[in-house]
Amino acid sequence: MKFIELTVHTSTEGSELIADIMWRYTTHGVAISDVKDVIALQNDKVMYWDYMDDELTADKSGDVLVKAFIAEDAAPAIIPQIRQDIEEMSANCNGAFPLGSLEMTSRTVDGDDWIEIWRKHFRPIHLGNIVVVPEWIHYDKKEGEQVVLLDNNMAFGTGEHETTSMCVMLLQKYITPDSVCIDVGCGSGILGISAVKLGAKFAYLTDIDSIAVKSANHNCALNGVSNKVTVAHSDLLADSSIQGDIILANITADVLERLAPAIPKNLKNGGALILSGIIDSKLPGVIAAYEAQGLKVEEHVKKGEWNALALRNI
């Protein structure tokens, strides 16, 4: 089978955003090539090289390549849509952080050889007591760790990006054995699965993307938590009868602001709301939107240009 390998030149800050857009249009794979990941693999002693070109670590250009693999016959219709979504995302970011040139190139590739190359981009990610592990990597967990396996799509949230990692870290502070968790826009299911692995009684996961729902269901089965998780293909919180002790929403600031009047109706009195995906310039607006609903900010976490909040329904 032939594929079109579509490459977008971006930055570390923009790479996950570009990858999320690409995952909307392909199930054949998305890969991020970032020199910082190579250096991290070496520093973490996950991989070793007999020789590493000094020019690799000396590269200060910040150019990151995000590649999507698209079936050749579908590419003419899909690539313009990807370009349009990237342009809209860039406009919404409004220069809040660098996105690179966003130059797009494409070439035709044969067969599935790229899959093995793509898989080498991933490694176990340690987030407190949670370790996110691609399903094709063998990992011997240490005492106190909970392993979350993700499928070979690795779509819609892997724990690598600051927004997801901050959510997982905050979740560990607020979760209790009696917690019912709701994950709004669940993507791969990483947050809901982590909640159950950490001892939550039950987790409700929702997403409007059918591919994300399929991936989340697969990952729940992979982790043996399907009996404690419901994954719904729905428009966020459509069912107000579902009440959570913790609600997680790792989306974008604009969507979070729009959801501010709706989310609290699903949060129990005294419950915790964990929000992420908020760039610096949008933080005041998100805080104001939820404080207007009677929620109080208890904790603010920041990584790079991204912010996460923990709020209490008082």
C-alpha atoms as a PDB file:
ATOM      1  CA  MET A   1       0.000   0.000   0.000  1.00  0.00           C
ATOM      2  CA  LYS A   2       1.229   3.494  -0.806  1.00  0.00           C
ATOM      3  CA  PHE A   3       0.995   6.432   1.566  1.00  0.00           C
ATOM      4  CA  ILE A   4       1.559  10.142   1.362  1.00  0.00           C
ATOM      5  CA  GLU A   5       3.992  11.245   4.050  1.00  0.00           C
ATOM      6  CA  LEU A   6       2.919  14.799   4.913  1.00  0.00           C
ATOM      7  CA  THR A   7       5.508  16.789   6.887  1.00  0.00           C
ATOM      8  CA  VAL A   8       4.935  20.038   8.742  1.00  0.00           C
ATOM      9  CA  HIS A   9       7.885  22.085  10.039  1.00  0.00           C
ATOM     10  CA  THR A  10       7.040  23.507  13.460  1.00  0.00           C
ATOM     11  CA  SER A  11       8.450  23.985  16.984  1.00  0.00           C
ATOM     12  CA  THR A  12       8.509  21.869  20.130  1.00  0.00           C
ATOM     13  CA  GLU A  13       5.678  24.002  21.512  1.00  0.00           C
ATOM     14  CA  GLY A  14       3.568  23.506  18.393  1.00  0.00           C
ATOM     15  CA  SER A  15       4.342  19.868  17.670  1.00  0.00           C
ATOM     16  CA  GLU A  16       1.577  18.257  19.751  1.00  0.00           C
ATOM     17  CA  LEU A  17      -0.995  20.726  18.446  1.00  0.00           C
ATOM     18  CA  ILE A  18      -0.030  19.878  14.857  1.00  0.00           C
ATOM     19  CA  ALA A  19      -0.069  16.156  15.681  1.00  0.00           C
ATOM     20  CA  ASP A  20      -3.561  16.430  17.198  1.00  0.00           C
ATOM     21  CA  ILE A  21      -4.818  18.045  13.993  1.00  0.00           C
ATOM     22  CA  MET A  22      -3.240  15.331  11.866  1.00  0.00           C
ATOM     23  CA  TRP A  23      -4.801  12.573  13.951  1.00  0.00           C
ATOM     24  CA  ARG A  24      -8.239  13.916  12.978  1.00  0.00           C
ATOM     25  CA  TYR A  25      -7.594  12.819   9.404  1.00  0.00           C
ATOM     26  CA  THR A  26      -5.549   9.613   9.563  1.00  0.00           C
ATOM     27  CA  THR A  27      -5.370   6.339  11.468  1.00  0.00           C
ATOM     28  CA  HIS A  28      -2.150   5.272   9.757  1.00  0.00           C
ATOM     29  CA  GLY A  29       0.277   7.064  12.025  1.00  0.00           C
ATOM     30  CA  VAL A  30       1.657  10.425  13.127  1.00  0.00           C
ATOM     31  CA  ALA A  31       5.256  10.904  14.220  1.00  0.00           C
ATOM     32  CA  ILE A  32       7.076  13.839  15.853  1.00  0.00           C
ATOM     33  CA  SER A  33      10.802  14.191  15.110  1.00  0.00           C
ATOM     34  CA  ASP A  34      12.277  16.456  17.783  1.00  0.00           C
ATOM     35  CA  VAL A  35      15.980  16.503  18.678  1.00  0.00           C
ATOM     36  CA  LYS A  36      14.955  17.138  22.300  1.00  0.00           C
ATOM     37  CA  ASP A  37      13.390  13.663  22.373  1.00  0.00           C
ATOM     38  CA  VAL A  38      16.630  12.088  21.159  1.00  0.00           C
ATOM     39  CA  ILE A  39      18.584  13.883  23.864  1.00  0.00           C
ATOM     40  CA  ALA A  40      15.998  12.818  26.466  1.00  0.00           C
ATOM     41  CA  LEU A  41      16.337   9.177  25.437  1.00  0.00           C
ATOM     42  CA  GLN A  42      20.095   9.406  25.889  1.00  0.00           C
ATOM     43  CA  ASN A  43      19.884  11.252  29.221  1.00  0.00           C
ATOM     44  CA  ASP A  44      17.284   8.844  30.592  1.00  0.00           C
ATOM     45  CA  LYS A  45      19.489   5.874  29.598  1.00  0.00           C
ATOM     46  CA  VAL A  46      16.612   4.381  27.626  1.00  0.00           C
ATOM     47  CA  MET A  47      18.709   4.112  24.461  1.00  0.00           C
ATOM     48  CA  TYR A  48      22.423   4.278  23.783  1.00  0.00           C
ATOM     49  CA  TRP A  49      24.350   5.167  20.659  1.00  0.00           C
ATOM     50  CA  ASP A  50      27.972   4.316  19.928  1.00  0.00           C
ATOM     51  CA  TYR A  51      28.173   7.627  18.101  1.00  0.00           C
ATOM     52  CA  MET A  52      26.017  10.742  18.103  1.00  0.00           C
ATOM     53  CA  ASP A  53      26.744  13.564  15.693  1.00  0.00           C
ATOM     54  CA  ASP A  54      27.693  16.688  17.672  1.00  0.00           C
ATOM     55  CA  GLU A  55      25.749  18.762  15.154  1.00  0.00           C
ATOM     56  CA  LEU A  56      22.560  17.051  16.303  1.00  0.00           C
ATOM     57  CA  THR A  57      22.714  18.394  19.855  1.00  0.00           C
ATOM     58  CA  ALA A  58      24.165  21.699  18.687  1.00  0.00           C
ATOM     59  CA  ASP A  59      21.190  22.415  16.421  1.00  0.00           C
ATOM     60  CA  LYS A  60      19.533  25.521  17.831  1.00  0.00           C
ATOM     61  CA  SER A  61      17.040  26.018  15.003  1.00  0.00           C
ATOM     62  CA  GLY A  62      14.200  24.500  17.023  1.00  0.00           C
ATOM     63  CA  ASP A  63      12.803  22.956  13.824  1.00  0.00           C
ATOM     64  CA  VAL A  64      10.550  20.006  14.671  1.00  0.00           C
ATOM     65  CA  LEU A  65       9.070  17.751  12.011  1.00  0.00           C
ATOM     66  CA  VAL A  66       5.574  16.347  12.425  1.00  0.00           C
ATOM     67  CA  LYS A  67       4.744  13.644   9.887  1.00  0.00           C
ATOM     68  CA  ALA A  68       1.355  12.169   9.043  1.00  0.00           C
ATOM     69  CA  PHE A  69       0.881   9.082   6.897  1.00  0.00           C
ATOM     70  CA  ILE A  70      -2.209   9.309   4.712  1.00  0.00           C
ATOM     71  CA  ALA A  71      -3.599   6.761   2.262  1.00  0.00           C
ATOM     72  CA  GLU A  72      -2.579   7.926  -1.207  1.00  0.00           C
ATOM     73  CA  ASP A  73      -6.103   7.957  -2.633  1.00  0.00           C
ATOM     74  CA  ALA A  74      -7.438  10.061   0.275  1.00  0.00           C
ATOM     75  CA  ALA A  75      -4.605  12.598   0.352  1.00  0.00           C
ATOM     76  CA  PRO A  76      -5.945  15.111  -2.248  1.00  0.00           C
ATOM     77  CA  ALA A  77      -9.048  15.716  -0.134  1.00  0.00           C
ATOM     78  CA  ILE A  78      -7.415  15.500   3.290  1.00  0.00           C
ATOM     79  CA  ILE A  79      -4.281  17.632   2.917  1.00  0.00           C
ATOM     80  CA  PRO A  80      -6.169  20.911   2.220  1.00  0.00           C
ATOM     81  CA  GLN A  81      -8.294  20.281   5.318  1.00  0.00           C
ATOM     82  CA  ILE A  82      -5.185  19.760   7.442  1.00  0.00           C
ATOM     83  CA  ARG A  83      -3.690  22.964   6.045  1.00  0.00           C
ATOM     84  CA  GLN A  84      -6.875  24.898   6.880  1.00  0.00           C
ATOM     85  CA  ASP A  85      -7.016  23.538  10.446  1.00  0.00           C
ATOM     86  CA  ILE A  86      -3.355  24.430  11.025  1.00  0.00           C
ATOM     87  CA  GLU A  87      -3.945  27.976   9.775  1.00  0.00           C
ATOM     88  CA  GLU A  88      -6.929  28.345  12.124  1.00  0.00           C
ATOM     89  CA  MET A  89      -4.930  26.970  15.054  1.00  0.00           C
ATOM     90  CA  SER A  90      -2.095  29.406  14.310  1.00  0.00           C
ATOM     91  CA  ALA A  91      -4.533  32.318  14.223  1.00  0.00           C
ATOM     92  CA  ASN A  92      -6.096  31.258  17.538  1.00  0.00           C
ATOM     93  CA  CYS A  93      -2.679  31.049  19.209  1.00  0.00           C
ATOM     94  CA  ASN A  94      -2.141  34.681  18.160  1.00  0.00           C
ATOM     95  CA  GLY A  95       1.637  34.525  18.634  1.00  0.00           C
ATOM     96  CA  ALA A  96       1.415  33.272  22.232  1.00  0.00           C
ATOM     97  CA  PHE A  97       4.327  30.891  21.546  1.00  0.00           C
ATOM     98  CA  PRO A  98       6.470  30.000  18.523  1.00  0.00           C
ATOM     99  CA  LEU A  99       4.970  27.662  15.936  1.00  0.00           C
ATOM    100  CA  GLY A 100       7.862  27.638  13.475  1.00  0.00           C
ATOM    101  CA  SER A 101       7.498  28.113   9.734  1.00  0.00           C
ATOM    102  CA  LEU A 102       4.551  25.667   9.395  1.00  0.00           C
ATOM    103  CA  GLU A 103       5.957  24.784   5.961  1.00  0.00           C
ATOM    104  CA  MET A 104       4.310  21.659   4.522  1.00  0.00           C
ATOM    105  CA  THR A 105       5.937  19.108   2.237  1.00  0.00           C
ATOM    106  CA  SER A 106       4.838  15.684   1.032  1.00  0.00           C
ATOM    107  CA  ARG A 107       6.224  12.567  -0.642  1.00  0.00           C
ATOM    108  CA  THR A 108       4.998   9.103  -1.556  1.00  0.00           C
ATOM    109  CA  VAL A 109       6.221   6.160   0.539  1.00  0.00           C
ATOM    110  CA  ASP A 110       5.763   2.426  -0.056  1.00  0.00           C
ATOM    111  CA  GLY A 111       4.706  -0.267   2.361  1.00  0.00           C
ATOM    112  CA  ASP A 112       4.719  -0.270   6.138  1.00  0.00           C
ATOM    113  CA  ASP A 113       8.455   0.096   6.811  1.00  0.00           C
ATOM    114  CA  TRP A 114       7.768   3.495   8.346  1.00  0.00           C
ATOM    115  CA  ILE A 115       5.857   1.899  11.231  1.00  0.00           C
ATOM    116  CA  GLU A 116       9.007   0.566  12.880  1.00  0.00           C
ATOM    117  CA  ILE A 117      10.693   3.950  12.465  1.00  0.00           C
ATOM    118  CA  TRP A 118       7.651   5.683  13.895  1.00  0.00           C
ATOM    119  CA  ARG A 119       7.558   3.436  16.947  1.00  0.00           C
ATOM    120  CA  LYS A 120      11.111   4.389  17.891  1.00  0.00           C
ATOM    121  CA  HIS A 121       9.886   7.885  18.710  1.00  0.00           C
ATOM    122  CA  PHE A 122       8.125   6.674  21.847  1.00  0.00           C
ATOM    123  CA  ARG A 123       9.448   5.738  25.284  1.00  0.00           C
ATOM    124  CA  PRO A 124       7.987   5.157  28.767  1.00  0.00           C
ATOM    125  CA  ILE A 125       6.926   8.449  30.361  1.00  0.00           C
ATOM    126  CA  HIS A 126       7.062   8.803  34.157  1.00  0.00           C
ATOM    127  CA  LEU A 127       4.363  11.023  35.679  1.00  0.00           C
ATOM    128  CA  GLY A 128       4.542  10.558  39.433  1.00  0.00           C
ATOM    129  CA  ASN A 129       3.198   7.076  40.193  1.00  0.00           C
ATOM    130  CA  ILE A 130       1.881   6.700  36.637  1.00  0.00           C
ATOM    131  CA  VAL A 131       4.146   5.337  33.898  1.00  0.00           C
ATOM    132  CA  VAL A 132       2.746   5.654  30.368  1.00  0.00           C
ATOM    133  CA  VAL A 133       4.118   2.829  28.200  1.00  0.00           C
ATOM    134  CA  PRO A 134       3.553   2.128  24.472  1.00  0.00           C
ATOM    135  CA  GLU A 135       2.103  -1.378  24.220  1.00  0.00           C
ATOM    136  CA  TRP A 136       5.006  -2.658  22.086  1.00  0.00           C
ATOM    137  CA  ILE A 137       7.635  -1.765  24.730  1.00  0.00           C
ATOM    138  CA  HIS A 138       8.392  -4.181  27.591  1.00  0.00           C
ATOM    139  CA  TYR A 139       8.532  -2.359  30.911  1.00  0.00           C
ATOM    140  CA  ASP A 140       9.127  -3.834  34.370  1.00  0.00           C
ATOM    141  CA  LYS A 141       7.229  -1.621  36.759  1.00  0.00           C
ATOM    142  CA  LYS A 142       8.753  -0.662  40.079  1.00  0.00           C
ATOM    143  CA  GLU A 143       7.054  -0.781  43.461  1.00  0.00           C
ATOM    144  CA  GLY A 144       4.347   1.838  43.775  1.00  0.00           C
ATOM    145  CA  GLU A 145       4.084   2.462  40.024  1.00  0.00           C
ATOM    146  CA  GLN A 146       0.939   2.035  37.948  1.00  0.00           C
ATOM    147  CA  VAL A 147       1.496   1.316  34.253  1.00  0.00           C
ATOM    148  CA  VAL A 148      -0.854   2.756  31.640  1.00  0.00           C
ATOM    149  CA  LEU A 149      -0.444   1.026  28.272  1.00  0.00           C
ATOM    150  CA  LEU A 150      -1.351   2.910  25.098  1.00  0.00           C
ATOM    151  CA  ASP A 151      -2.054   1.298  21.747  1.00  0.00           C
ATOM    152  CA  ASN A 152       0.001   1.581  18.593  1.00  0.00           C
ATOM    153  CA  ASN A 153      -1.960   4.625  17.456  1.00  0.00           C
ATOM    154  CA  MET A 154      -0.713   6.639  20.439  1.00  0.00           C
ATOM    155  CA  ALA A 155      -3.355   9.118  19.359  1.00  0.00           C
ATOM    156  CA  PHE A 156      -4.947  12.007  21.199  1.00  0.00           C
ATOM    157  CA  GLY A 157      -2.717  12.270  24.247  1.00  0.00           C
ATOM    158  CA  THR A 158       0.335  10.281  25.310  1.00  0.00           C
ATOM    159  CA  GLY A 159       1.507  12.052  28.457  1.00  0.00           C
ATOM    160  CA  GLU A 160       4.458  13.564  26.616  1.00  0.00           C
ATOM    161  CA  HIS A 161       2.845  16.949  26.184  1.00  0.00           C
ATOM    162  CA  GLU A 162       2.839  19.397  29.104  1.00  0.00           C
ATOM    163  CA  THR A 163      -0.952  19.693  29.133  1.00  0.00           C
ATOM    164  CA  THR A 164      -1.515  15.947  29.622  1.00  0.00           C
ATOM    165  CA  SER A 165       1.332  15.490  32.101  1.00  0.00           C
ATOM    166  CA  MET A 166       0.066  18.338  34.306  1.00  0.00           C
ATOM    167  CA  CYS A 167      -3.419  16.761  34.359  1.00  0.00           C
ATOM    168  CA  VAL A 168      -2.011  13.383  35.436  1.00  0.00           C
ATOM    169  CA  MET A 169       0.112  14.975  38.157  1.00  0.00           C
ATOM    170  CA  LEU A 170      -2.805  17.026  39.534  1.00  0.00           C
ATOM    171  CA  LEU A 171      -5.108  13.994  39.368  1.00  0.00           C
ATOM    172  CA  GLN A 172      -2.823  12.151  41.787  1.00  0.00           C
ATOM    173  CA  LYS A 173      -3.304  14.910  44.371  1.00  0.00           C
ATOM    174  CA  TYR A 174      -7.095  14.890  44.313  1.00  0.00           C
ATOM    175  CA  ILE A 175      -8.120  11.287  43.694  1.00  0.00           C
ATOM    176  CA  THR A 176      -9.511   9.030  46.434  1.00  0.00           C
ATOM    177  CA  PRO A 177     -10.695   5.390  46.377  1.00  0.00           C
ATOM    178  CA  ASP A 178     -14.317   6.594  46.267  1.00  0.00           C
ATOM    179  CA  SER A 179     -13.782   9.006  43.369  1.00  0.00           C
ATOM    180  CA  VAL A 180     -15.971   8.971  40.294  1.00  0.00           C
ATOM    181  CA  CYS A 181     -14.048  10.714  37.511  1.00  0.00           C
ATOM    182  CA  ILE A 182     -15.298  12.301  34.302  1.00  0.00           C
ATOM    183  CA  ASP A 183     -12.883  12.978  31.435  1.00  0.00           C
ATOM    184  CA  VAL A 184     -14.257  15.510  28.943  1.00  0.00           C
ATOM    185  CA  GLY A 185     -12.631  15.102  25.514  1.00  0.00           C
ATOM    186  CA  CYS A 186     -10.898  11.878  26.533  1.00  0.00           C
ATOM    187  CA  GLY A 187      -8.758  11.265  23.445  1.00  0.00           C
ATOM    188  CA  SER A 188      -6.684   8.132  24.044  1.00  0.00           C
ATOM    189  CA  GLY A 189      -8.320   7.643  27.447  1.00  0.00           C
ATOM    190  CA  ILE A 190      -5.068   8.251  29.302  1.00  0.00           C
ATOM    191  CA  LEU A 191      -6.636  10.389  32.045  1.00  0.00           C
ATOM    192  CA  GLY A 192      -9.607   8.129  32.760  1.00  0.00           C
ATOM    193  CA  ILE A 193      -7.445   5.012  32.697  1.00  0.00           C
ATOM    194  CA  SER A 194      -4.924   6.686  35.011  1.00  0.00           C
ATOM    195  CA  ALA A 195      -7.758   7.565  37.396  1.00  0.00           C
ATOM    196  CA  VAL A 196      -8.891   3.939  37.657  1.00  0.00           C
ATOM    197  CA  LYS A 197      -5.300   2.705  37.971  1.00  0.00           C
ATOM    198  CA  LEU A 198      -4.839   5.148  40.843  1.00  0.00           C
ATOM    199  CA  GLY A 199      -7.882   3.710  42.608  1.00  0.00           C
ATOM    200  CA  ALA A 200     -10.932   5.601  41.350  1.00  0.00           C
ATOM    201  CA  LYS A 201     -14.226   3.754  41.715  1.00  0.00           C
ATOM    202  CA  PHE A 202     -15.375   4.551  38.175  1.00  0.00           C
ATOM    203  CA  ALA A 203     -14.580   6.779  35.212  1.00  0.00           C
ATOM    204  CA  TYR A 204     -16.798   8.254  32.487  1.00  0.00           C
ATOM    205  CA  LEU A 205     -14.986   9.212  29.276  1.00  0.00           C
ATOM    206  CA  THR A 206     -16.528  11.302  26.495  1.00  0.00           C
ATOM    207  CA  ASP A 207     -15.284  12.511  23.113  1.00  0.00           C
ATOM    208  CA  ILE A 208     -16.875  13.808  19.916  1.00  0.00           C
ATOM    209  CA  ASP A 209     -14.238  12.114  17.733  1.00  0.00           C
ATOM    210  CA  SER A 210     -15.148   8.531  16.783  1.00  0.00           C
ATOM    211  CA  ILE A 211     -11.476   7.582  16.299  1.00  0.00           C
ATOM    212  CA  ALA A 212     -10.678   8.803  19.802  1.00  0.00           C
ATOM    213  CA  VAL A 213     -13.581   6.784  21.221  1.00  0.00           C
ATOM    214  CA  LYS A 214     -12.331   3.665  19.433  1.00  0.00           C
ATOM    215  CA  SER A 215      -8.792   4.274  20.703  1.00  0.00           C
ATOM    216  CA  ALA A 216      -9.998   4.892  24.273  1.00  0.00           C
ATOM    217  CA  ASN A 217     -12.087   1.710  24.296  1.00  0.00           C
ATOM    218  CA  HIS A 218      -9.139  -0.286  22.989  1.00  0.00           C
ATOM    219  CA  ASN A 219      -6.816   1.208  25.603  1.00  0.00           C
ATOM    220  CA  CYS A 220      -9.290   0.491  28.399  1.00  0.00           C
ATOM    221  CA  ALA A 221      -9.393  -3.165  27.348  1.00  0.00           C
ATOM    222  CA  LEU A 222      -5.602  -3.209  27.000  1.00  0.00           C
ATOM    223  CA  ASN A 223      -5.279  -2.022  30.589  1.00  0.00           C
ATOM    224  CA  GLY A 224      -7.957  -4.320  31.968  1.00  0.00           C
ATOM    225  CA  VAL A 225     -10.162  -1.493  33.255  1.00  0.00           C
ATOM    226  CA  SER A 226     -13.170  -1.748  30.926  1.00  0.00           C
ATOM    227  CA  ASN A 227     -15.376  -2.925  33.803  1.00  0.00           C
ATOM    228  CA  LYS A 228     -14.781   0.388  35.575  1.00  0.00           C
ATOM    229  CA  VAL A 229     -14.987   2.725  32.573  1.00  0.00           C
ATOM    230  CA  THR A 230     -17.724   3.927  30.234  1.00  0.00           C
ATOM    231  CA  VAL A 231     -16.596   5.571  26.978  1.00  0.00           C
ATOM    232  CA  ALA A 232     -19.257   7.652  25.238  1.00  0.00           C
ATOM    233  CA  HIS A 233     -19.243   9.129  21.732  1.00  0.00           C
ATOM    234  CA  SER A 234     -21.041  12.284  22.766  1.00  0.00           C
ATOM    235  CA  ASP A 235     -20.899  16.058  22.692  1.00  0.00           C
ATOM    236  CA  LEU A 236     -18.982  16.470  25.919  1.00  0.00           C
ATOM    237  CA  LEU A 237     -21.289  16.431  28.952  1.00  0.00           C
ATOM    238  CA  ALA A 238     -24.628  15.672  27.336  1.00  0.00           C
ATOM    239  CA  ASP A 239     -25.944  13.745  30.365  1.00  0.00           C
ATOM    240  CA  SER A 240     -26.344  15.957  33.430  1.00  0.00           C
ATOM    241  CA  SER A 241     -27.346  12.941  35.550  1.00  0.00           C
ATOM    242  CA  ILE A 242     -23.715  11.782  35.633  1.00  0.00           C
ATOM    243  CA  GLN A 243     -22.048  13.295  38.676  1.00  0.00           C
ATOM    244  CA  GLY A 244     -18.307  13.261  39.233  1.00  0.00           C
ATOM    245  CA  ASP A 245     -16.073  13.845  42.242  1.00  0.00           C
ATOM    246  CA  ILE A 246     -13.394  14.889  39.760  1.00  0.00           C
ATOM    247  CA  ILE A 247     -13.849  16.286  36.254  1.00  0.00           C
ATOM    248  CA  LEU A 248     -10.863  16.516  33.911  1.00  0.00           C
ATOM    249  CA  ALA A 249     -10.845  18.596  30.741  1.00  0.00           C
ATOM    250  CA  ASN A 250      -7.638  18.884  28.736  1.00  0.00           C
ATOM    251  CA  ILE A 251      -8.904  20.762  25.691  1.00  0.00           C
ATOM    252  CA  THR A 252      -8.216  24.352  24.609  1.00  0.00           C
ATOM    253  CA  ALA A 253      -8.872  27.595  26.436  1.00  0.00           C
ATOM    254  CA  ASP A 254     -11.564  28.779  24.024  1.00  0.00           C
ATOM    255  CA  VAL A 255     -13.528  25.539  24.417  1.00  0.00           C
ATOM    256  CA  LEU A 256     -13.030  25.549  28.192  1.00  0.00           C
ATOM    257  CA  GLU A 257     -14.491  29.052  28.422  1.00  0.00           C
ATOM    258  CA  ARG A 258     -17.464  27.997  26.318  1.00  0.00           C
ATOM    259  CA  LEU A 259     -18.061  24.993  28.587  1.00  0.00           C
ATOM    260  CA  ALA A 260     -17.843  26.973  31.839  1.00  0.00           C
ATOM    261  CA  PRO A 261     -21.632  27.208  32.344  1.00  0.00           C
ATOM    262  CA  ALA A 262     -22.139  23.514  31.541  1.00  0.00           C
ATOM    263  CA  ILE A 263     -19.338  21.618  33.307  1.00  0.00           C
ATOM    264  CA  PRO A 264     -20.243  22.484  36.947  1.00  0.00           C
ATOM    265  CA  LYS A 265     -23.646  20.802  36.667  1.00  0.00           C
ATOM    266  CA  ASN A 266     -21.834  17.440  36.483  1.00  0.00           C
ATOM    267  CA  LEU A 267     -19.484  18.193  39.405  1.00  0.00           C
ATOM    268  CA  LYS A 268     -20.534  17.192  42.901  1.00  0.00           C
ATOM    269  CA  ASN A 269     -20.504  19.751  45.702  1.00  0.00           C
ATOM    270  CA  GLY A 270     -16.944  19.919  46.992  1.00  0.00           C
ATOM    271  CA  GLY A 271     -15.673  18.180  43.844  1.00  0.00           C
ATOM    272  CA  ALA A 272     -12.469  19.071  41.991  1.00  0.00           C
ATOM    273  CA  LEU A 273     -12.258  20.341  38.422  1.00  0.00           C
ATOM    274  CA  ILE A 274      -8.898  19.930  36.652  1.00  0.00           C
ATOM    275  CA  LEU A 275      -8.445  22.001  33.502  1.00  0.00           C
ATOM    276  CA  SER A 276      -5.508  22.057  31.105  1.00  0.00           C
ATOM    277  CA  GLY A 277      -4.610  23.138  27.580  1.00  0.00           C
ATOM    278  CA  ILE A 278      -4.515  26.822  28.551  1.00  0.00           C
ATOM    279  CA  ILE A 279      -1.895  29.115  27.017  1.00  0.00           C
ATOM    280  CA  ASP A 280      -0.657  32.080  29.052  1.00  0.00           C
ATOM    281  CA  SER A 281      -2.664  34.729  27.263  1.00  0.00           C
ATOM    282  CA  LYS A 282      -5.934  32.826  27.798  1.00  0.00           C
ATOM    283  CA  LEU A 283      -5.457  32.026  31.489  1.00  0.00           C
ATOM    284  CA  PRO A 284      -7.240  35.078  32.963  1.00  0.00           C
ATOM    285  CA  GLY A 285     -10.288  34.480  30.774  1.00  0.00           C
ATOM    286  CA  VAL A 286     -10.581  30.827  31.807  1.00  0.00           C
ATOM    287  CA  ILE A 287     -10.229  31.653  35.498  1.00  0.00           C
ATOM    288  CA  ALA A 288     -12.849  34.403  35.243  1.00  0.00           C
ATOM    289  CA  ALA A 289     -15.288  32.095  33.399  1.00  0.00           C
ATOM    290  CA  TYR A 290     -15.184  29.422  36.110  1.00  0.00           C
ATOM    291  CA  GLU A 291     -15.078  31.782  39.068  1.00  0.00           C
ATOM    292  CA  ALA A 292     -18.300  33.251  37.652  1.00  0.00           C
ATOM    293  CA  GLN A 293     -19.813  29.782  38.121  1.00  0.00           C
ATOM    294  CA  GLY A 294     -18.828  29.719  41.791  1.00  0.00           C
ATOM    295  CA  LEU A 295     -15.679  27.601  41.483  1.00  0.00           C
ATOM    296  CA  LYS A 296     -12.516  28.564  43.358  1.00  0.00           C
ATOM    297  CA  VAL A 297      -8.962  28.083  42.064  1.00  0.00           C
ATOM    298  CA  GLU A 298      -6.989  25.915  44.487  1.00  0.00           C
ATOM    299  CA  GLU A 299      -3.880  25.261  42.440  1.00  0.00           C
ATOM    300  CA  HIS A 300      -2.165  26.644  39.354  1.00  0.00           C
ATOM    301  CA  VAL A 301       0.555  24.639  37.572  1.00  0.00           C
ATOM    302  CA  LYS A 302       2.630  25.922  34.679  1.00  0.00           C
ATOM    303  CA  LYS A 303       4.964  24.215  32.198  1.00  0.00           C
ATOM    304  CA  GLY A 304       6.446  26.343  29.440  1.00  0.00           C
ATOM    305  CA  GLU A 305       3.633  28.343  27.872  1.00  0.00           C
ATOM    306  CA  TRP A 306       0.949  25.973  29.158  1.00  0.00           C
ATOM    307  CA  ASN A 307      -1.153  26.183  32.298  1.00  0.00           C
ATOM    308  CA  ALA A 308      -3.327  23.807  34.291  1.00  0.00           C
ATOM    309  CA  LEU A 309      -5.784  24.615  37.065  1.00  0.00           C
ATOM    310  CA  ALA A 310      -7.389  22.719  39.893  1.00  0.00           C
ATOM    311  CA  LEU A 311     -10.634  24.307  41.040  1.00  0.00           C
ATOM    312  CA  ARG A 312     -13.083  23.378  43.776  1.00  0.00           C
ATOM    313  CA  ASN A 313     -16.858  23.406  43.521  1.00  0.00           C
ATOM    314  CA  ILE A 314     -17.675  25.248  46.726  1.00  0.00           C
END
